[in-house]
Amino acid sequence: MYLGLHLDKVESILKNKKYTIKTIKGKKDSDKLTVPRVIKSTQKGDSIELIVTYFSDSK
């Protein structure tokens, strides 16, 4: 449901729910990777765990 969405968008959807964010960030080209997107979401009890990684801005 949240896969591929920008982290800000997901946080606005989940504003009244419990959630945690885990970030995966590589070292290569980290200055170009500026857009946080959800790549996995998992229900953990009464909370949602979001796995986020950064992508380049492809404008």
PDB file of N, CA and C in Angstrom:
ATOM      1  N   MET A   1       0.812  -1.191   0.000  1.00  0.00           N
ATOM      2  CA  MET A   1       0.000   0.000   0.000  1.00  0.00           C
ATOM      3  C   MET A   1       0.865   1.268   0.000  1.00  0.00           C
ATOM      4  N   TYR A   2       1.979   1.252   0.720  1.00  0.00           N
ATOM      5  CA  TYR A   2       2.824   2.442   0.812  1.00  0.00           C
ATOM      6  C   TYR A   2       4.060   2.357  -0.070  1.00  0.00           C
ATOM      7  N   LEU A   3       4.240   1.244  -0.738  1.00  0.00           N
ATOM      8  CA  LEU A   3       5.462   1.016  -1.502  1.00  0.00           C
ATOM      9  C   LEU A   3       5.661   2.051  -2.594  1.00  0.00           C
ATOM     10  N   GLY A   4       6.852   2.617  -2.621  1.00  0.00           N
ATOM     11  CA  GLY A   4       7.203   3.591  -3.639  1.00  0.00           C
ATOM     12  C   GLY A   4       6.799   5.013  -3.324  1.00  0.00           C
ATOM     13  N   LEU A   5       6.020   5.203  -2.284  1.00  0.00           N
ATOM     14  CA  LEU A   5       5.579   6.557  -1.929  1.00  0.00           C
ATOM     15  C   LEU A   5       6.685   7.320  -1.203  1.00  0.00           C
ATOM     16  N   HIS A   6       6.681   8.623  -1.370  1.00  0.00           N
ATOM     17  CA  HIS A   6       7.606   9.499  -0.657  1.00  0.00           C
ATOM     18  C   HIS A   6       7.311   9.397   0.838  1.00  0.00           C
ATOM     19  N   LEU A   7       8.335   9.433   1.652  1.00  0.00           N
ATOM     20  CA  LEU A   7       8.175   9.281   3.095  1.00  0.00           C
ATOM     21  C   LEU A   7       7.232  10.332   3.680  1.00  0.00           C
ATOM     22  N   ASP A   8       7.291  11.565   3.204  1.00  0.00           N
ATOM     23  CA  ASP A   8       6.394  12.614   3.703  1.00  0.00           C
ATOM     24  C   ASP A   8       4.924  12.246   3.488  1.00  0.00           C
ATOM     25  N   LYS A   9       4.617  11.689   2.338  1.00  0.00           N
ATOM     26  CA  LYS A   9       3.246  11.287   2.016  1.00  0.00           C
ATOM     27  C   LYS A   9       2.771  10.186   2.968  1.00  0.00           C
ATOM     28  N   VAL A  10       3.628   9.186   3.197  1.00  0.00           N
ATOM     29  CA  VAL A  10       3.269   8.078   4.089  1.00  0.00           C
ATOM     30  C   VAL A  10       3.082   8.583   5.517  1.00  0.00           C
ATOM     31  N   GLU A  11       3.945   9.472   5.965  1.00  0.00           N
ATOM     32  CA  GLU A  11       3.808  10.023   7.316  1.00  0.00           C
ATOM     33  C   GLU A  11       2.501  10.796   7.464  1.00  0.00           C
ATOM     34  N   SER A  12       2.079  11.487   6.426  1.00  0.00           N
ATOM     35  CA  SER A  12       0.800  12.208   6.506  1.00  0.00           C
ATOM     36  C   SER A  12      -0.376  11.234   6.562  1.00  0.00           C
ATOM     37  N   ILE A  13      -0.255  10.098   5.883  1.00  0.00           N
ATOM     38  CA  ILE A  13      -1.299   9.074   5.929  1.00  0.00           C
ATOM     39  C   ILE A  13      -1.364   8.430   7.310  1.00  0.00           C
ATOM     40  N   LEU A  14      -0.206   8.208   7.920  1.00  0.00           N
ATOM     41  CA  LEU A  14      -0.122   7.497   9.199  1.00  0.00           C
ATOM     42  C   LEU A  14      -0.073   8.422  10.411  1.00  0.00           C
ATOM     43  N   LYS A  15      -0.459   9.666  10.269  1.00  0.00           N
ATOM     44  CA  LYS A  15      -0.277  10.643  11.347  1.00  0.00           C
ATOM     45  C   LYS A  15      -0.956  10.260  12.663  1.00  0.00           C
ATOM     46  N   ASN A  16      -2.007   9.474  12.639  1.00  0.00           N
ATOM     47  CA  ASN A  16      -2.696   9.081  13.870  1.00  0.00           C
ATOM     48  C   ASN A  16      -2.410   7.640  14.268  1.00  0.00           C
ATOM     49  N   LYS A  17      -1.400   7.026  13.641  1.00  0.00           N
ATOM     50  CA  LYS A  17      -1.053   5.647  13.947  1.00  0.00           C
ATOM     51  C   LYS A  17       0.397   5.569  14.411  1.00  0.00           C
ATOM     52  N   LYS A  18       0.721   4.467  15.092  1.00  0.00           N
ATOM     53  CA  LYS A  18       2.089   4.239  15.532  1.00  0.00           C
ATOM     54  C   LYS A  18       2.881   3.645  14.377  1.00  0.00           C
ATOM     55  N   TYR A  19       4.095   4.180  14.157  1.00  0.00           N
ATOM     56  CA  TYR A  19       4.964   3.633  13.128  1.00  0.00           C
ATOM     57  C   TYR A  19       6.414   3.915  13.476  1.00  0.00           C
ATOM     58  N   THR A  20       7.292   3.068  12.957  1.00  0.00           N
ATOM     59  CA  THR A  20       8.729   3.277  13.083  1.00  0.00           C
ATOM     60  C   THR A  20       9.333   3.302  11.692  1.00  0.00           C
ATOM     61  N   ILE A  21      10.473   3.968  11.591  1.00  0.00           N
ATOM     62  CA  ILE A  21      11.148   4.096  10.307  1.00  0.00           C
ATOM     63  C   ILE A  21      12.558   3.537  10.435  1.00  0.00           C
ATOM     64  N   LYS A  22      12.904   2.624   9.544  1.00  0.00           N
ATOM     65  CA  LYS A  22      14.270   2.121   9.437  1.00  0.00           C
ATOM     66  C   LYS A  22      14.783   2.556   8.074  1.00  0.00           C
ATOM     67  N   THR A  23      15.989   3.115   8.070  1.00  0.00           N
ATOM     68  CA  THR A  23      16.549   3.659   6.843  1.00  0.00           C
ATOM     69  C   THR A  23      17.710   2.809   6.348  1.00  0.00           C
ATOM     70  N   ILE A  24      17.704   2.536   5.066  1.00  0.00           N
ATOM     71  CA  ILE A  24      18.822   1.884   4.397  1.00  0.00           C
ATOM     72  C   ILE A  24      19.456   2.942   3.518  1.00  0.00           C
ATOM     73  N   LYS A  25      20.721   3.227   3.767  1.00  0.00           N
ATOM     74  CA  LYS A  25      21.384   4.263   2.986  1.00  0.00           C
ATOM     75  C   LYS A  25      22.771   3.771   2.606  1.00  0.00           C
ATOM     76  N   GLY A  26      23.021   3.701   1.310  1.00  0.00           N
ATOM     77  CA  GLY A  26      24.330   3.296   0.815  1.00  0.00           C
ATOM     78  C   GLY A  26      25.314   4.448   0.872  1.00  0.00           C
ATOM     79  N   LYS A  27      26.548   4.141   0.605  1.00  0.00           N
ATOM     80  CA  LYS A  27      27.594   5.166   0.638  1.00  0.00           C
ATOM     81  C   LYS A  27      27.886   5.742  -0.739  1.00  0.00           C
ATOM     82  N   LYS A  28      27.551   5.008  -1.772  1.00  0.00           N
ATOM     83  CA  LYS A  28      27.857   5.443  -3.136  1.00  0.00           C
ATOM     84  C   LYS A  28      26.872   6.522  -3.592  1.00  0.00           C
ATOM     85  N   ASP A  29      27.390   7.626  -4.099  1.00  0.00           N
ATOM     86  CA  ASP A  29      26.578   8.730  -4.637  1.00  0.00           C
ATOM     87  C   ASP A  29      25.533   9.245  -3.647  1.00  0.00           C
ATOM     88  N   SER A  30      25.859   9.274  -2.369  1.00  0.00           N
ATOM     89  CA  SER A  30      24.880   9.685  -1.363  1.00  0.00           C
ATOM     90  C   SER A  30      24.447  11.141  -1.526  1.00  0.00           C
ATOM     91  N   ASP A  31      25.277  11.972  -2.152  1.00  0.00           N
ATOM     92  CA  ASP A  31      24.884  13.371  -2.370  1.00  0.00           C
ATOM     93  C   ASP A  31      23.780  13.494  -3.417  1.00  0.00           C
ATOM     94  N   LYS A  32      23.637  12.500  -4.297  1.00  0.00           N
ATOM     95  CA  LYS A  32      22.593  12.516  -5.327  1.00  0.00           C
ATOM     96  C   LYS A  32      21.308  11.847  -4.849  1.00  0.00           C
ATOM     97  N   LEU A  33      21.406  11.062  -3.791  1.00  0.00           N
ATOM     98  CA  LEU A  33      20.244  10.320  -3.299  1.00  0.00           C
ATOM     99  C   LEU A  33      19.547  11.152  -2.231  1.00  0.00           C
ATOM    100  N   THR A  34      18.480  11.840  -2.629  1.00  0.00           N
ATOM    101  CA  THR A  34      17.842  12.807  -1.741  1.00  0.00           C
ATOM    102  C   THR A  34      16.356  12.550  -1.497  1.00  0.00           C
ATOM    103  N   VAL A  35      15.766  11.607  -2.211  1.00  0.00           N
ATOM    104  CA  VAL A  35      14.321  11.390  -2.135  1.00  0.00           C
ATOM    105  C   VAL A  35      14.031  10.103  -1.344  1.00  0.00           C
ATOM    106  N   PRO A  36      13.514  10.230  -0.096  1.00  0.00           N
ATOM    107  CA  PRO A  36      13.221   9.037   0.696  1.00  0.00           C
ATOM    108  C   PRO A  36      11.910   8.384   0.259  1.00  0.00           C
ATOM    109  N   ARG A  37      11.983   7.105  -0.092  1.00  0.00           N
ATOM    110  CA  ARG A  37      10.794   6.363  -0.518  1.00  0.00           C
ATOM    111  C   ARG A  37      10.693   5.067   0.273  1.00  0.00           C
ATOM    112  N   VAL A  38       9.465   4.677   0.550  1.00  0.00           N
ATOM    113  CA  VAL A  38       9.201   3.449   1.287  1.00  0.00           C
ATOM    114  C   VAL A  38       9.388   2.259   0.346  1.00  0.00           C
ATOM    115  N   ILE A  39      10.213   1.286   0.781  1.00  0.00           N
ATOM    116  CA  ILE A  39      10.422   0.100  -0.042  1.00  0.00           C
ATOM    117  C   ILE A  39       9.817  -1.149   0.597  1.00  0.00           C
ATOM    118  N   LYS A  40       9.412  -1.045   1.874  1.00  0.00           N
ATOM    119  CA  LYS A  40       8.764  -2.171   2.530  1.00  0.00           C
ATOM    120  C   LYS A  40       7.997  -1.656   3.738  1.00  0.00           C
ATOM    121  N   SER A  41       6.832  -2.237   3.990  1.00  0.00           N
ATOM    122  CA  SER A  41       6.077  -1.930   5.202  1.00  0.00           C
ATOM    123  C   SER A  41       5.605  -3.236   5.812  1.00  0.00           C
ATOM    124  N   THR A  42       5.716  -3.316   7.135  1.00  0.00           N
ATOM    125  CA  THR A  42       5.364  -4.536   7.851  1.00  0.00           C
ATOM    126  C   THR A  42       4.556  -4.179   9.089  1.00  0.00           C
ATOM    127  N   GLN A  43       3.475  -4.914   9.312  1.00  0.00           N
ATOM    128  CA  GLN A  43       2.675  -4.730  10.524  1.00  0.00           C
ATOM    129  C   GLN A  43       3.384  -5.453  11.663  1.00  0.00           C
ATOM    130  N   LYS A  44       3.687  -4.736  12.748  1.00  0.00           N
ATOM    131  CA  LYS A  44       4.344  -5.304  13.923  1.00  0.00           C
ATOM    132  C   LYS A  44       3.471  -5.003  15.140  1.00  0.00           C
ATOM    133  N   GLY A  45       2.578  -5.923  15.454  1.00  0.00           N
ATOM    134  CA  GLY A  45       1.655  -5.684  16.563  1.00  0.00           C
ATOM    135  C   GLY A  45       0.717  -4.542  16.236  1.00  0.00           C
ATOM    136  N   ASP A  46       0.734  -3.503  17.080  1.00  0.00           N
ATOM    137  CA  ASP A  46      -0.126  -2.340  16.842  1.00  0.00           C
ATOM    138  C   ASP A  46       0.623  -1.202  16.146  1.00  0.00           C
ATOM    139  N   SER A  47       1.779  -1.512  15.587  1.00  0.00           N
ATOM    140  CA  SER A  47       2.614  -0.517  14.926  1.00  0.00           C
ATOM    141  C   SER A  47       2.960  -0.978  13.503  1.00  0.00           C
ATOM    142  N   ILE A  48       3.371  -0.044  12.685  1.00  0.00           N
ATOM    143  CA  ILE A  48       3.798  -0.345  11.326  1.00  0.00           C
ATOM    144  C   ILE A  48       5.277   0.020  11.208  1.00  0.00           C
ATOM    145  N   GLU A  49       6.057  -0.891  10.663  1.00  0.00           N
ATOM    146  CA  GLU A  49       7.476  -0.637  10.437  1.00  0.00           C
ATOM    147  C   GLU A  49       7.676  -0.304   8.964  1.00  0.00           C
ATOM    148  N   LEU A  50       8.291   0.837   8.715  1.00  0.00           N
ATOM    149  CA  LEU A  50       8.563   1.278   7.347  1.00  0.00           C
ATOM    150  C   LEU A  50      10.057   1.169   7.073  1.00  0.00           C
ATOM    151  N   ILE A  51      10.418   0.522   5.980  1.00  0.00           N
ATOM    152  CA  ILE A  51      11.801   0.474   5.535  1.00  0.00           C
ATOM    153  C   ILE A  51      11.923   1.488   4.407  1.00  0.00           C
ATOM    154  N   VAL A  52      12.868   2.413   4.552  1.00  0.00           N
ATOM    155  CA  VAL A  52      13.008   3.527   3.619  1.00  0.00           C
ATOM    156  C   VAL A  52      14.421   3.520   3.040  1.00  0.00           C
ATOM    157  N   THR A  53      14.527   3.840   1.779  1.00  0.00           N
ATOM    158  CA  THR A  53      15.821   4.080   1.159  1.00  0.00           C
ATOM    159  C   THR A  53      15.720   5.347   0.317  1.00  0.00           C
ATOM    160  N   TYR A  54      16.850   5.841  -0.084  1.00  0.00           N
ATOM    161  CA  TYR A  54      16.887   7.121  -0.816  1.00  0.00           C
ATOM    162  C   TYR A  54      17.140   6.887  -2.294  1.00  0.00           C
ATOM    163  N   PHE A  55      16.465   7.671  -3.113  1.00  0.00           N
ATOM    164  CA  PHE A  55      16.598   7.619  -4.566  1.00  0.00           C
ATOM    165  C   PHE A  55      17.001   8.995  -5.068  1.00  0.00           C
ATOM    166  N   SER A  56      17.481   9.050  -6.302  1.00  0.00           N
ATOM    167  CA  SER A  56      17.830  10.346  -6.887  1.00  0.00           C
ATOM    168  C   SER A  56      16.552  11.035  -7.373  1.00  0.00           C
ATOM    169  N   ASP A  57      16.620  12.333  -7.413  1.00  0.00           N
ATOM    170  CA  ASP A  57      15.513  13.135  -7.909  1.00  0.00           C
ATOM    171  C   ASP A  57      15.607  13.160  -9.431  1.00  0.00           C
ATOM    172  N   SER A  58      14.662  12.549 -10.103  1.00  0.00           N
ATOM    173  CA  SER A  58      14.732  12.389 -11.565  1.00  0.00           C
ATOM    174  C   SER A  58      13.905  13.428 -12.309  1.00  0.00           C
ATOM    175  N   LYS A  59      14.032  14.654 -11.932  1.00  0.00           N
ATOM    176  CA  LYS A  59      13.283  15.731 -12.606  1.00  0.00           C
ATOM    177  C   LYS A  59      13.898  16.070 -13.916  1.00  0.00           C
TER     178      LYS A  59
END
